[in-house]
Each structure stands twice: as C-alpha cells, then as structure tokens.
C-alpha cells in the first residue's frame, strides 16, 4: 500500500480514486471540511417524582425482590455516617453490602484522621 493511500485513509477515511489529484502529485489527500458542530444539548429541568410515584416504584422493587427471595435493608454506618444497603436472602444471610466493609473502614479512617488519599498540587 502506497503512502498516498495510507495518507488518504487517515485524512478522509477512504482510498483516493484513480482520478484524485493527490494520488497524481504524490502528496497526502486534503481532508474535506469538517461537519458543522452539533447544536448544544439542552437539558430539561429535573422533575422530582411525586410521593405516589415513589411508592409505586418501591412496591415494584419489593415485589421483584420477593420473587427472587431477596430483601433490602437500609441503614447508616455509625462510624462513617454513610448510607449502607444490605441485600439479604430469604434466610436473612447477607448476600451483598454496598458499600462494603473495607470501604466503610477506609471512610471512617479518613474521617477520623483528616488524611487525604490523594494530594495533588497543580
């Protein structure tokens, strides 16, 4: 593959045609002008769900969790002050905890010592 073809592939994404001027003069093909910039994305104002909507969603989640023999427990870790979500099976055994114990210990250590994990100066 010639350098002209490689240059054309890089700049235009296609091989030069047989009549392409850049392939005759030996220089790289010139890229076509860039497409116009897309219009800025407008975000809609955040709409908070009503209490009724939240209740419906909570019932749906609870129904699903019961169908797979799981339950959720919400609590606040006393040491770190973080919200903890525990997923338990039908027997009450802990399946998963978010955040995990290690993350909670790390958060408590950081809060107690005032230390930072990453100290960057720019």
PDB file of N, CA and C in Angstrom:
ATOM      1  N   UNK A   1       0.863  -1.159   0.000  1.00  0.00           N
ATOM      2  CA  UNK A   1       0.000   0.000   0.000  1.00  0.00           C
ATOM      3  C   UNK A   1       0.915   1.229   0.000  1.00  0.00           C
ATOM      4  N   UNK A   2       0.634   2.165  -0.888  1.00  0.00           N
ATOM      5  CA  UNK A   2       1.494   3.340  -1.006  1.00  0.00           C
ATOM      6  C   UNK A   2       1.201   4.326   0.107  1.00  0.00           C
ATOM      7  N   UNK A   3       2.116   5.252   0.338  1.00  0.00           N
ATOM      8  CA  UNK A   3       1.950   6.285   1.363  1.00  0.00           C
ATOM      9  C   UNK A   3       0.767   7.180   1.031  1.00  0.00           C
ATOM     10  N   UNK A   4       0.485   7.395  -0.274  1.00  0.00           N
ATOM     11  CA  UNK A   4      -0.660   8.216  -0.662  1.00  0.00           C
ATOM     12  C   UNK A   4      -1.968   7.583  -0.187  1.00  0.00           C
ATOM     13  N   UNK A   5      -2.068   6.269  -0.341  1.00  0.00           N
ATOM     14  CA  UNK A   5      -3.280   5.574   0.064  1.00  0.00           C
ATOM     15  C   UNK A   5      -3.423   5.625   1.577  1.00  0.00           C
ATOM     16  N   UNK A   6      -2.305   5.416   2.294  1.00  0.00           N
ATOM     17  CA  UNK A   6      -2.332   5.473   3.755  1.00  0.00           C
ATOM     18  C   UNK A   6      -2.743   6.872   4.212  1.00  0.00           C
ATOM     19  N   UNK A   7      -2.133   7.907   3.620  1.00  0.00           N
ATOM     20  CA  UNK A   7      -2.467   9.289   3.987  1.00  0.00           C
ATOM     21  C   UNK A   7      -3.929   9.588   3.704  1.00  0.00           C
ATOM     22  N   UNK A   8      -4.439   9.093   2.598  1.00  0.00           N
ATOM     23  CA  UNK A   8      -5.837   9.325   2.259  1.00  0.00           C
ATOM     24  C   UNK A   8      -6.762   8.615   3.240  1.00  0.00           C
ATOM     25  N   UNK A   9      -6.399   7.398   3.619  1.00  0.00           N
ATOM     26  CA  UNK A   9      -7.207   6.673   4.593  1.00  0.00           C
ATOM     27  C   UNK A   9      -7.241   7.398   5.934  1.00  0.00           C
ATOM     28  N   UNK A  10      -6.102   7.961   6.339  1.00  0.00           N
ATOM     29  CA  UNK A  10      -6.031   8.665   7.613  1.00  0.00           C
ATOM     30  C   UNK A  10      -6.836   9.952   7.573  1.00  0.00           C
ATOM     31  N   UNK A  11      -6.710  10.720   6.502  1.00  0.00           N
ATOM     32  CA  UNK A  11      -7.346  12.039   6.460  1.00  0.00           C
ATOM     33  C   UNK A  11      -8.801  12.015   6.026  1.00  0.00           C
ATOM     34  N   UNK A  12      -9.162  11.094   5.133  1.00  0.00           N
ATOM     35  CA  UNK A  12     -10.537  11.109   4.617  1.00  0.00           C
ATOM     36  C   UNK A  12     -11.324   9.855   4.951  1.00  0.00           C
ATOM     37  N   UNK A  13     -10.632   8.799   5.385  1.00  0.00           N
ATOM     38  CA  UNK A  13     -11.319   7.563   5.695  1.00  0.00           C
ATOM     39  C   UNK A  13     -11.589   6.703   4.479  1.00  0.00           C
ATOM     40  N   UNK A  14     -11.091   7.092   3.289  1.00  0.00           N
ATOM     41  CA  UNK A  14     -11.296   6.274   2.094  1.00  0.00           C
ATOM     42  C   UNK A  14     -10.066   6.356   1.211  1.00  0.00           C
ATOM     43  N   UNK A  15      -9.941   5.386   0.317  1.00  0.00           N
ATOM     44  CA  UNK A  15      -8.833   5.369  -0.623  1.00  0.00           C
ATOM     45  C   UNK A  15      -9.069   6.433  -1.686  1.00  0.00           C
ATOM     46  N   UNK A  16      -7.993   7.038  -2.202  1.00  0.00           N
ATOM     47  CA  UNK A  16      -8.175   8.020  -3.271  1.00  0.00           C
ATOM     48  C   UNK A  16      -8.642   7.321  -4.543  1.00  0.00           C
ATOM     49  N   UNK A  17      -9.496   7.997  -5.306  1.00  0.00           N
ATOM     50  CA  UNK A  17      -9.944   7.425  -6.578  1.00  0.00           C
ATOM     51  C   UNK A  17      -8.824   7.561  -7.595  1.00  0.00           C
ATOM     52  N   UNK A  18      -8.971   6.872  -8.720  1.00  0.00           N
ATOM     53  CA  UNK A  18      -7.930   6.883  -9.750  1.00  0.00           C
ATOM     54  C   UNK A  18      -7.687   8.289 -10.268  1.00  0.00           C
ATOM     55  N   UNK A  19      -8.693   9.145 -10.315  1.00  0.00           N
ATOM     56  CA  UNK A  19      -8.538  10.497 -10.828  1.00  0.00           C
ATOM     57  C   UNK A  19      -8.216  11.516  -9.751  1.00  0.00           C
ATOM     58  N   UNK A  20      -7.983  11.081  -8.526  1.00  0.00           N
ATOM     59  CA  UNK A  20      -7.719  12.001  -7.418  1.00  0.00           C
ATOM     60  C   UNK A  20      -6.411  12.728  -7.654  1.00  0.00           C
ATOM     61  N   UNK A  21      -6.432  14.033  -7.515  1.00  0.00           N
ATOM     62  CA  UNK A  21      -5.255  14.853  -7.771  1.00  0.00           C
ATOM     63  C   UNK A  21      -4.141  14.533  -6.799  1.00  0.00           C
ATOM     64  N   UNK A  22      -4.460  14.193  -5.557  1.00  0.00           N
ATOM     65  CA  UNK A  22      -3.410  13.953  -4.577  1.00  0.00           C
ATOM     66  C   UNK A  22      -2.625  12.700  -4.924  1.00  0.00           C
ATOM     67  N   UNK A  23      -3.276  11.700  -5.545  1.00  0.00           N
ATOM     68  CA  UNK A  23      -2.548  10.492  -5.895  1.00  0.00           C
ATOM     69  C   UNK A  23      -1.628  10.755  -7.071  1.00  0.00           C
ATOM     70  N   UNK A  24      -1.918  11.751  -7.909  1.00  0.00           N
ATOM     71  CA  UNK A  24      -1.074  12.063  -9.056  1.00  0.00           C
ATOM     72  C   UNK A  24       0.113  12.918  -8.643  1.00  0.00           C
ATOM     73  N   UNK A  25      -0.092  13.844  -7.662  1.00  0.00           N
ATOM     74  CA  UNK A  25       1.008  14.736  -7.317  1.00  0.00           C
ATOM     75  C   UNK A  25       1.895  14.179  -6.213  1.00  0.00           C
ATOM     76  N   UNK A  26       1.478  13.064  -5.583  1.00  0.00           N
ATOM     77  CA  UNK A  26       2.345  12.428  -4.603  1.00  0.00           C
ATOM     78  C   UNK A  26       2.168  12.957  -3.199  1.00  0.00           C
ATOM     79  N   UNK A  27       1.313  13.934  -2.981  1.00  0.00           N
ATOM     80  CA  UNK A  27       1.115  14.478  -1.635  1.00  0.00           C
ATOM     81  C   UNK A  27      -0.080  13.835  -0.976  1.00  0.00           C
ATOM     82  N   UNK A  28      -0.215  14.070   0.312  1.00  0.00           N
ATOM     83  CA  UNK A  28      -1.360  13.492   1.005  1.00  0.00           C
ATOM     84  C   UNK A  28      -2.653  14.161   0.584  1.00  0.00           C
ATOM     85  N   UNK A  29      -3.711  13.424   0.671  1.00  0.00           N
ATOM     86  CA  UNK A  29      -5.010  13.965   0.313  1.00  0.00           C
ATOM     87  C   UNK A  29      -5.432  14.987   1.361  1.00  0.00           C
ATOM     88  N   UNK A  30      -6.156  15.981   0.931  1.00  0.00           N
ATOM     89  CA  UNK A  30      -6.634  17.015   1.837  1.00  0.00           C
ATOM     90  C   UNK A  30      -7.995  16.580   2.353  1.00  0.00           C
ATOM     91  N   UNK A  31      -8.151  16.687   3.649  1.00  0.00           N
ATOM     92  CA  UNK A  31      -9.411  16.275   4.254  1.00  0.00           C
ATOM     93  C   UNK A  31     -10.514  17.233   3.863  1.00  0.00           C
ATOM     94  N   UNK A  32     -11.702  16.689   3.713  1.00  0.00           N
ATOM     95  CA  UNK A  32     -12.838  17.542   3.410  1.00  0.00           C
ATOM     96  C   UNK A  32     -13.150  18.399   4.622  1.00  0.00           C
ATOM     97  N   UNK A  33     -13.810  19.535   4.422  1.00  0.00           N
ATOM     98  CA  UNK A  33     -14.095  20.402   5.553  1.00  0.00           C
ATOM     99  C   UNK A  33     -14.911  19.664   6.608  1.00  0.00           C
ATOM    100  N   UNK A  34     -14.653  20.041   7.851  1.00  0.00           N
ATOM    101  CA  UNK A  34     -15.338  19.379   8.961  1.00  0.00           C
ATOM    102  C   UNK A  34     -16.819  19.701   8.931  1.00  0.00           C
ATOM    103  N   UNK A  35     -17.599  18.756   9.417  1.00  0.00           N
ATOM    104  CA  UNK A  35     -19.044  18.957   9.513  1.00  0.00           C
ATOM    105  C   UNK A  35     -19.318  20.031  10.554  1.00  0.00           C
ATOM    106  N   UNK A  36     -20.413  20.753  10.414  1.00  0.00           N
ATOM    107  CA  UNK A  36     -20.715  21.790  11.400  1.00  0.00           C
ATOM    108  C   UNK A  36     -20.892  21.177  12.786  1.00  0.00           C
ATOM    109  N   UNK A  37     -20.548  21.948  13.796  1.00  0.00           N
ATOM    110  CA  UNK A  37     -20.649  21.479  15.175  1.00  0.00           C
ATOM    111  C   UNK A  37     -22.110  21.201  15.513  1.00  0.00           C
ATOM    112  N   UNK A  38     -22.338  20.160  16.285  1.00  0.00           N
ATOM    113  CA  UNK A  38     -23.722  19.858  16.655  1.00  0.00           C
ATOM    114  C   UNK A  38     -24.277  20.946  17.576  1.00  0.00           C
ATOM    115  N   UNK A  39     -25.568  21.091  17.541  1.00  0.00           N
ATOM    116  CA  UNK A  39     -26.223  22.084  18.393  1.00  0.00           C
ATOM    117  C   UNK A  39     -26.040  21.684  19.852  1.00  0.00           C
ATOM    118  N   UNK A  40     -25.925  22.656  20.740  1.00  0.00           N
ATOM    119  CA  UNK A  40     -25.737  22.314  22.149  1.00  0.00           C
ATOM    120  C   UNK A  40     -26.948  21.538  22.682  1.00  0.00           C
ATOM    121  N   UNK A  41     -26.654  20.603  23.565  1.00  0.00           N
ATOM    122  CA  UNK A  41     -27.710  19.786  24.141  1.00  0.00           C
ATOM    123  C   UNK A  41     -28.379  20.578  25.251  1.00  0.00           C
ATOM    124  N   UNK A  42     -29.678  20.669  25.165  1.00  0.00           N
ATOM    125  CA  UNK A  42     -30.432  21.376  26.184  1.00  0.00           C
ATOM    126  C   UNK A  42     -31.001  20.360  27.154  1.00  0.00           C
ATOM    127  N   UNK A  43     -30.690  20.547  28.407  1.00  0.00           N
ATOM    128  CA  UNK A  43     -31.229  19.615  29.387  1.00  0.00           C
ATOM    129  C   UNK A  43     -32.550  20.155  29.916  1.00  0.00           C
ATOM    130  N   UNK A  44     -33.463  19.242  30.061  1.00  0.00           N
ATOM    131  CA  UNK A  44     -34.771  19.606  30.589  1.00  0.00           C
ATOM    132  C   UNK A  44     -34.642  19.786  32.092  1.00  0.00           C
ATOM    133  N   UNK A  45     -35.451  20.642  32.671  1.00  0.00           N
ATOM    134  CA  UNK A  45     -35.401  20.798  34.119  1.00  0.00           C
ATOM    135  C   UNK A  45     -35.726  19.467  34.804  1.00  0.00           C
ATOM    136  N   UNK A  46     -35.042  19.210  35.905  1.00  0.00           N
ATOM    137  CA  UNK A  46     -35.263  17.976  36.634  1.00  0.00           C
ATOM    138  C   UNK A  46     -36.640  17.998  37.283  1.00  0.00           C
ATOM    139  N   UNK A  47     -37.385  16.949  37.033  1.00  0.00           N
ATOM    140  CA  UNK A  47     -38.717  16.832  37.613  1.00  0.00           C
ATOM    141  C   UNK A  47     -38.634  15.787  38.720  1.00  0.00           C
ATOM    142  N   UNK A  48     -38.979  16.174  39.913  1.00  0.00           N
ATOM    143  CA  UNK A  48     -38.953  15.244  41.037  1.00  0.00           C
ATOM    144  C   UNK A  48     -40.227  14.400  41.012  1.00  0.00           C
ATOM    145  N   UNK A  49     -40.070  13.079  41.222  1.00  0.00           N
ATOM    146  CA  UNK A  49     -41.258  12.227  41.235  1.00  0.00           C
ATOM    147  C   UNK A  49     -42.112  12.520  42.471  1.00  0.00           C
ATOM    148  N   UNK A  50     -43.385  12.299  42.334  1.00  0.00           N
ATOM    149  CA  UNK A  50     -44.295  12.510  43.455  1.00  0.00           C
ATOM    150  C   UNK A  50     -44.146  11.364  44.450  1.00  0.00           C
ATOM    151  N   UNK A  51     -44.660  11.560  45.644  1.00  0.00           N
ATOM    152  CA  UNK A  51     -44.630  10.519  46.661  1.00  0.00           C
ATOM    153  C   UNK A  51     -45.377   9.279  46.166  1.00  0.00           C
ATOM    154  N   UNK A  52     -46.462   9.502  45.447  1.00  0.00           N
ATOM    155  CA  UNK A  52     -47.243   8.387  44.914  1.00  0.00           C
ATOM    156  C   UNK A  52     -46.420   7.572  43.919  1.00  0.00           C
ATOM    157  N   UNK A  53     -45.691   8.253  43.040  1.00  0.00           N
ATOM    158  CA  UNK A  53     -44.833   7.570  42.065  1.00  0.00           C
ATOM    159  C   UNK A  53     -43.741   6.780  42.770  1.00  0.00           C
ATOM    160  N   UNK A  54     -43.128   7.390  43.786  1.00  0.00           N
ATOM    161  CA  UNK A  54     -42.085   6.697  44.539  1.00  0.00           C
ATOM    162  C   UNK A  54     -42.639   5.462  45.244  1.00  0.00           C
ATOM    163  N   UNK A  55     -43.853   5.567  45.762  1.00  0.00           N
ATOM    164  CA  UNK A  55     -44.473   4.426  46.434  1.00  0.00           C
ATOM    165  C   UNK A  55     -44.712   3.285  45.452  1.00  0.00           C
ATOM    166  N   UNK A  56     -45.170   3.616  44.256  1.00  0.00           N
ATOM    167  CA  UNK A  56     -45.402   2.593  43.222  1.00  0.00           C
ATOM    168  C   UNK A  56     -44.085   1.912  42.861  1.00  0.00           C
ATOM    169  N   UNK A  57     -43.043   2.699  42.670  1.00  0.00           N
ATOM    170  CA  UNK A  57     -41.728   2.142  42.317  1.00  0.00           C
ATOM    171  C   UNK A  57     -41.211   1.262  43.441  1.00  0.00           C
ATOM    172  N   UNK A  58     -41.359   1.716  44.679  1.00  0.00           N
ATOM    173  CA  UNK A  58     -40.900   0.925  45.822  1.00  0.00           C
ATOM    174  C   UNK A  58     -41.639  -0.410  45.893  1.00  0.00           C
ATOM    175  N   UNK A  59     -42.946  -0.409  45.636  1.00  0.00           N
ATOM    176  CA  UNK A  59     -43.716  -1.657  45.642  1.00  0.00           C
ATOM    177  C   UNK A  59     -43.245  -2.600  44.528  1.00  0.00           C
ATOM    178  N   UNK A  60     -42.951  -2.043  43.350  1.00  0.00           N
ATOM    179  CA  UNK A  60     -42.473  -2.874  42.244  1.00  0.00           C
ATOM    180  C   UNK A  60     -41.126  -3.510  42.586  1.00  0.00           C
ATOM    181  N   UNK A  61     -40.233  -2.727  43.164  1.00  0.00           N
ATOM    182  CA  UNK A  61     -38.916  -3.257  43.541  1.00  0.00           C
ATOM    183  C   UNK A  61     -39.082  -4.327  44.609  1.00  0.00           C
ATOM    184  N   UNK A  62     -39.914  -4.045  45.611  1.00  0.00           N
ATOM    185  CA  UNK A  62     -40.144  -5.005  46.689  1.00  0.00           C
ATOM    186  C   UNK A  62     -40.734  -6.294  46.137  1.00  0.00           C
ATOM    187  N   UNK A  63     -41.683  -6.178  45.210  1.00  0.00           N
ATOM    188  CA  UNK A  63     -42.298  -7.359  44.604  1.00  0.00           C
ATOM    189  C   UNK A  63     -41.259  -8.196  43.865  1.00  0.00           C
ATOM    190  N   UNK A  64     -40.392  -7.528  43.116  1.00  0.00           N
ATOM    191  CA  UNK A  64     -39.344  -8.251  42.385  1.00  0.00           C
ATOM    192  C   UNK A  64     -38.399  -8.947  43.362  1.00  0.00           C
ATOM    193  N   UNK A  65     -37.966  -8.232  44.388  1.00  0.00           N
ATOM    194  CA  UNK A  65     -37.028  -8.825  45.340  1.00  0.00           C
ATOM    195  C   UNK A  65     -37.632 -10.034  46.044  1.00  0.00           C
ATOM    196  N   UNK A  66     -38.925  -9.965  46.371  1.00  0.00           N
ATOM    197  CA  UNK A  66     -39.588 -11.114  46.993  1.00  0.00           C
ATOM    198  C   UNK A  66     -39.627 -12.301  46.030  1.00  0.00           C
ATOM    199  N   UNK A  67     -39.790 -12.029  44.736  1.00  0.00           N
ATOM    200  CA  UNK A  67     -39.851 -13.118  43.755  1.00  0.00           C
ATOM    201  C   UNK A  67     -38.513 -13.833  43.615  1.00  0.00           C
ATOM    202  N   UNK A  68     -37.424 -13.171  43.959  1.00  0.00           N
ATOM    203  CA  UNK A  68     -36.096 -13.799  43.886  1.00  0.00           C
ATOM    204  C   UNK A  68     -35.542 -14.073  45.282  1.00  0.00           C
ATOM    205  N   UNK A  69     -36.440 -14.070  46.279  1.00  0.00           N
ATOM    206  CA  UNK A  69     -36.078 -14.354  47.674  1.00  0.00           C
ATOM    207  C   UNK A  69     -34.936 -13.477  48.186  1.00  0.00           C
ATOM    208  N   UNK A  70     -35.070 -12.187  47.955  1.00  0.00           N
ATOM    209  CA  UNK A  70     -34.084 -11.216  48.439  1.00  0.00           C
ATOM    210  C   UNK A  70     -34.817 -10.086  49.153  1.00  0.00           C
ATOM    211  N   UNK A  71     -34.105  -9.409  50.039  1.00  0.00           N
ATOM    212  CA  UNK A  71     -34.663  -8.224  50.682  1.00  0.00           C
ATOM    213  C   UNK A  71     -33.553  -7.183  50.816  1.00  0.00           C
ATOM    214  N   UNK A  72     -33.958  -5.936  50.902  1.00  0.00           N
ATOM    215  CA  UNK A  72     -33.011  -4.835  51.079  1.00  0.00           C
ATOM    216  C   UNK A  72     -33.198  -4.253  52.477  1.00  0.00           C
ATOM    217  N   UNK A  73     -32.080  -3.895  53.095  1.00  0.00           N
ATOM    218  CA  UNK A  73     -32.122  -3.200  54.364  1.00  0.00           C
ATOM    219  C   UNK A  73     -31.276  -1.948  54.223  1.00  0.00           C
ATOM    220  N   UNK A  74     -31.819  -0.824  54.659  1.00  0.00           N
ATOM    221  CA  UNK A  74     -31.107   0.436  54.609  1.00  0.00           C
ATOM    222  C   UNK A  74     -30.725   0.834  56.024  1.00  0.00           C
ATOM    223  N   UNK A  75     -29.486   1.280  56.192  1.00  0.00           N
ATOM    224  CA  UNK A  75     -29.028   1.739  57.496  1.00  0.00           C
ATOM    225  C   UNK A  75     -27.942   2.787  57.295  1.00  0.00           C
ATOM    226  N   UNK A  76     -27.539   3.416  58.397  1.00  0.00           N
ATOM    227  CA  UNK A  76     -26.456   4.398  58.361  1.00  0.00           C
ATOM    228  C   UNK A  76     -25.324   3.864  59.221  1.00  0.00           C
ATOM    229  N   UNK A  77     -24.135   3.789  58.647  1.00  0.00           N
ATOM    230  CA  UNK A  77     -22.961   3.340  59.382  1.00  0.00           C
ATOM    231  C   UNK A  77     -22.617   4.388  60.434  1.00  0.00           C
ATOM    232  N   UNK A  78     -22.544   3.978  61.694  1.00  0.00           N
ATOM    233  CA  UNK A  78     -22.320   4.918  62.787  1.00  0.00           C
ATOM    234  C   UNK A  78     -20.939   5.569  62.729  1.00  0.00           C
ATOM    235  N   UNK A  79     -19.939   4.838  62.294  1.00  0.00           N
ATOM    236  CA  UNK A  79     -18.577   5.365  62.286  1.00  0.00           C
ATOM    237  C   UNK A  79     -18.348   6.387  61.183  1.00  0.00           C
ATOM    238  N   UNK A  80     -18.812   6.064  59.959  1.00  0.00           N
ATOM    239  CA  UNK A  80     -18.547   6.942  58.818  1.00  0.00           C
ATOM    240  C   UNK A  80     -19.708   7.871  58.499  1.00  0.00           C
ATOM    241  N   UNK A  81     -20.913   7.510  58.955  1.00  0.00           N
ATOM    242  CA  UNK A  81     -22.093   8.306  58.627  1.00  0.00           C
ATOM    243  C   UNK A  81     -22.632   8.042  57.239  1.00  0.00           C
ATOM    244  N   UNK A  82     -22.147   7.018  56.576  1.00  0.00           N
ATOM    245  CA  UNK A  82     -22.579   6.702  55.210  1.00  0.00           C
ATOM    246  C   UNK A  82     -23.790   5.784  55.200  1.00  0.00           C
ATOM    247  N   UNK A  83     -24.614   5.944  54.163  1.00  0.00           N
ATOM    248  CA  UNK A  83     -25.760   5.069  53.950  1.00  0.00           C
ATOM    249  C   UNK A  83     -25.240   3.697  53.542  1.00  0.00           C
ATOM    250  N   UNK A  84     -25.802   2.644  54.126  1.00  0.00           N
ATOM    251  CA  UNK A  84     -25.410   1.272  53.819  1.00  0.00           C
ATOM    252  C   UNK A  84     -26.655   0.517  53.359  1.00  0.00           C
ATOM    253  N   UNK A  85     -26.525  -0.198  52.258  1.00  0.00           N
ATOM    254  CA  UNK A  85     -27.603  -1.020  51.735  1.00  0.00           C
ATOM    255  C   UNK A  85     -27.152  -2.470  51.823  1.00  0.00           C
ATOM    256  N   UNK A  86     -27.942  -3.282  52.514  1.00  0.00           N
ATOM    257  CA  UNK A  86     -27.632  -4.702  52.658  1.00  0.00           C
ATOM    258  C   UNK A  86     -28.656  -5.506  51.873  1.00  0.00           C
ATOM    259  N   UNK A  87     -28.160  -6.444  51.065  1.00  0.00           N
ATOM    260  CA  UNK A  87     -29.016  -7.362  50.328  1.00  0.00           C
ATOM    261  C   UNK A  87     -28.963  -8.681  51.080  1.00  0.00           C
ATOM    262  N   UNK A  88     -30.135  -9.186  51.469  1.00  0.00           N
ATOM    263  CA  UNK A  88     -30.198 -10.419  52.249  1.00  0.00           C
ATOM    264  C   UNK A  88     -31.073 -11.444  51.541  1.00  0.00           C
ATOM    265  N   UNK A  89     -30.742 -12.722  51.751  1.00  0.00           N
ATOM    266  CA  UNK A  89     -31.564 -13.783  51.166  1.00  0.00           C
ATOM    267  C   UNK A  89     -32.732 -14.085  52.093  1.00  0.00           C
ATOM    268  N   UNK A  90     -33.553 -15.070  51.727  1.00  0.00           N
ATOM    269  CA  UNK A  90     -34.762 -15.394  52.484  1.00  0.00           C
ATOM    270  C   UNK A  90     -34.448 -15.832  53.909  1.00  0.00           C
ATOM    271  N   UNK A  91     -33.253 -16.382  54.145  1.00  0.00           N
ATOM    272  CA  UNK A  91     -32.857 -16.822  55.483  1.00  0.00           C
ATOM    273  C   UNK A  91     -32.273 -15.691  56.317  1.00  0.00           C
ATOM    274  N   UNK A  92     -32.090 -14.525  55.707  1.00  0.00           N
ATOM    275  CA  UNK A  92     -31.511 -13.400  56.430  1.00  0.00           C
ATOM    276  C   UNK A  92     -30.009 -13.294  56.302  1.00  0.00           C
ATOM    277  N   UNK A  93     -29.406 -14.191  55.541  1.00  0.00           N
ATOM    278  CA  UNK A  93     -27.953 -14.151  55.335  1.00  0.00           C
ATOM    279  C   UNK A  93     -27.588 -12.988  54.423  1.00  0.00           C
ATOM    280  N   UNK A  94     -26.496 -12.325  54.738  1.00  0.00           N
ATOM    281  CA  UNK A  94     -26.032 -11.203  53.937  1.00  0.00           C
ATOM    282  C   UNK A  94     -25.511 -11.706  52.596  1.00  0.00           C
ATOM    283  N   UNK A  95     -26.073 -11.204  51.508  1.00  0.00           N
ATOM    284  CA  UNK A  95     -25.634 -11.560  50.167  1.00  0.00           C
ATOM    285  C   UNK A  95     -24.605 -10.536  49.693  1.00  0.00           C
ATOM    286  N   UNK A  96     -24.914  -9.255  49.911  1.00  0.00           N
ATOM    287  CA  UNK A  96     -24.017  -8.180  49.479  1.00  0.00           C
ATOM    288  C   UNK A  96     -24.308  -6.943  50.297  1.00  0.00           C
ATOM    289  N   UNK A  97     -23.249  -6.159  50.528  1.00  0.00           N
ATOM    290  CA  UNK A  97     -23.404  -4.899  51.239  1.00  0.00           C
ATOM    291  C   UNK A  97     -22.758  -3.804  50.407  1.00  0.00           C
ATOM    292  N   UNK A  98     -23.470  -2.682  50.280  1.00  0.00           N
ATOM    293  CA  UNK A  98     -22.973  -1.560  49.487  1.00  0.00           C
ATOM    294  C   UNK A  98     -23.006  -0.318  50.361  1.00  0.00           C
ATOM    295  N   UNK A  99     -21.904   0.371  50.597  1.00  0.00           N
ATOM    296  CA  UNK A  99     -20.520  -0.013  50.292  1.00  0.00           C
ATOM    297  C   UNK A  99     -20.078  -1.157  51.192  1.00  0.00           C
ATOM    298  N   UNK A 100     -19.033  -1.829  50.771  1.00  0.00           N
ATOM    299  CA  UNK A 100     -18.509  -2.969  51.509  1.00  0.00           C
ATOM    300  C   UNK A 100     -17.832  -2.543  52.806  1.00  0.00           C
ATOM    301  N   UNK A 101     -17.524  -3.528  53.644  1.00  0.00           N
ATOM    302  CA  UNK A 101     -16.888  -3.266  54.936  1.00  0.00           C
ATOM    303  C   UNK A 101     -15.558  -2.525  54.785  1.00  0.00           C
ATOM    304  N   UNK A 102     -14.766  -2.912  53.788  1.00  0.00           N
ATOM    305  CA  UNK A 102     -13.468  -2.257  53.593  1.00  0.00           C
ATOM    306  C   UNK A 102     -13.636  -0.782  53.264  1.00  0.00           C
ATOM    307  N   UNK A 103     -14.606  -0.460  52.424  1.00  0.00           N
ATOM    308  CA  UNK A 103     -14.858   0.938  52.065  1.00  0.00           C
ATOM    309  C   UNK A 103     -15.322   1.726  53.287  1.00  0.00           C
ATOM    310  N   UNK A 104     -16.138   1.108  54.124  1.00  0.00           N
ATOM    311  CA  UNK A 104     -16.601   1.782  55.342  1.00  0.00           C
ATOM    312  C   UNK A 104     -15.439   2.024  56.314  1.00  0.00           C
ATOM    313  N   UNK A 105     -14.564   1.027  56.468  1.00  0.00           N
ATOM    314  CA  UNK A 105     -13.387   1.214  57.336  1.00  0.00           C
ATOM    315  C   UNK A 105     -12.490   2.324  56.815  1.00  0.00           C
ATOM    316  N   UNK A 106     -12.300   2.363  55.505  1.00  0.00           N
ATOM    317  CA  UNK A 106     -11.470   3.400  54.894  1.00  0.00           C
ATOM    318  C   UNK A 106     -12.089   4.783  55.099  1.00  0.00           C
ATOM    319  N   UNK A 107     -13.401   4.894  54.930  1.00  0.00           N
ATOM    320  CA  UNK A 107     -14.093   6.166  55.131  1.00  0.00           C
ATOM    321  C   UNK A 107     -13.987   6.615  56.586  1.00  0.00           C
ATOM    322  N   UNK A 108     -14.131   5.672  57.525  1.00  0.00           N
ATOM    323  CA  UNK A 108     -14.025   6.008  58.946  1.00  0.00           C
ATOM    324  C   UNK A 108     -12.603   6.451  59.278  1.00  0.00           C
ATOM    325  N   UNK A 109     -11.615   5.766  58.734  1.00  0.00           N
ATOM    326  CA  UNK A 109     -10.217   6.146  58.969  1.00  0.00           C
ATOM    327  C   UNK A 109      -9.940   7.542  58.440  1.00  0.00           C
ATOM    328  N   UNK A 110     -10.400   7.808  57.240  1.00  0.00           N
ATOM    329  CA  UNK A 110     -10.169   9.115  56.629  1.00  0.00           C
ATOM    330  C   UNK A 110     -10.854  10.213  57.442  1.00  0.00           C
ATOM    331  N   UNK A 111     -12.082   9.977  57.864  1.00  0.00           N
ATOM    332  CA  UNK A 111     -12.818  10.983  58.634  1.00  0.00           C
ATOM    333  C   UNK A 111     -12.153  11.216  59.983  1.00  0.00           C
ATOM    334  N   UNK A 112     -11.654  10.159  60.601  1.00  0.00           N
ATOM    335  CA  UNK A 112     -11.040  10.273  61.922  1.00  0.00           C
ATOM    336  C   UNK A 112      -9.664  10.894  61.897  1.00  0.00           C
ATOM    337  N   UNK A 113      -8.908  10.654  60.847  1.00  0.00           N
ATOM    338  CA  UNK A 113      -7.531  11.144  60.801  1.00  0.00           C
ATOM    339  C   UNK A 113      -7.389  12.461  60.059  1.00  0.00           C
ATOM    340  N   UNK A 114      -8.388  12.817  59.281  1.00  0.00           N
ATOM    341  CA  UNK A 114      -8.291  14.038  58.481  1.00  0.00           C
ATOM    342  C   UNK A 114      -7.332  13.892  57.312  1.00  0.00           C
ATOM    343  N   UNK A 115      -6.903  12.658  57.059  1.00  0.00           N
ATOM    344  CA  UNK A 115      -5.958  12.404  55.975  1.00  0.00           C
ATOM    345  C   UNK A 115      -6.675  12.396  54.632  1.00  0.00           C
ATOM    346  N   UNK A 116      -5.892  12.636  53.601  1.00  0.00           N
ATOM    347  CA  UNK A 116      -6.419  12.528  52.246  1.00  0.00           C
ATOM    348  C   UNK A 116      -5.705  11.386  51.548  1.00  0.00           C
ATOM    349  N   UNK A 117      -6.426  10.718  50.675  1.00  0.00           N
ATOM    350  CA  UNK A 117      -5.830   9.599  49.955  1.00  0.00           C
ATOM    351  C   UNK A 117      -4.947  10.067  48.814  1.00  0.00           C
ATOM    352  N   UNK A 118      -5.295  11.200  48.246  1.00  0.00           N
ATOM    353  CA  UNK A 118      -4.573  11.715  47.097  1.00  0.00           C
ATOM    354  C   UNK A 118      -4.362  13.201  47.293  1.00  0.00           C
ATOM    355  N   UNK A 119      -3.123  13.611  47.296  1.00  0.00           N
ATOM    356  CA  UNK A 119      -2.803  15.025  47.479  1.00  0.00           C
ATOM    357  C   UNK A 119      -2.038  15.474  46.250  1.00  0.00           C
ATOM    358  N   UNK A 120      -2.737  16.208  45.383  1.00  0.00           N
ATOM    359  CA  UNK A 120      -2.117  16.658  44.146  1.00  0.00           C
ATOM    360  C   UNK A 120      -2.028  18.169  44.127  1.00  0.00           C
ATOM    361  N   UNK A 121      -0.894  18.664  43.714  1.00  0.00           N
ATOM    362  CA  UNK A 121      -0.714  20.095  43.546  1.00  0.00           C
ATOM    363  C   UNK A 121      -0.506  20.361  42.070  1.00  0.00           C
ATOM    364  N   UNK A 122      -1.288  21.269  41.541  1.00  0.00           N
ATOM    365  CA  UNK A 122      -1.184  21.590  40.116  1.00  0.00           C
ATOM    366  C   UNK A 122      -0.529  22.936  39.974  1.00  0.00           C
TER     367      UNK A 122
END
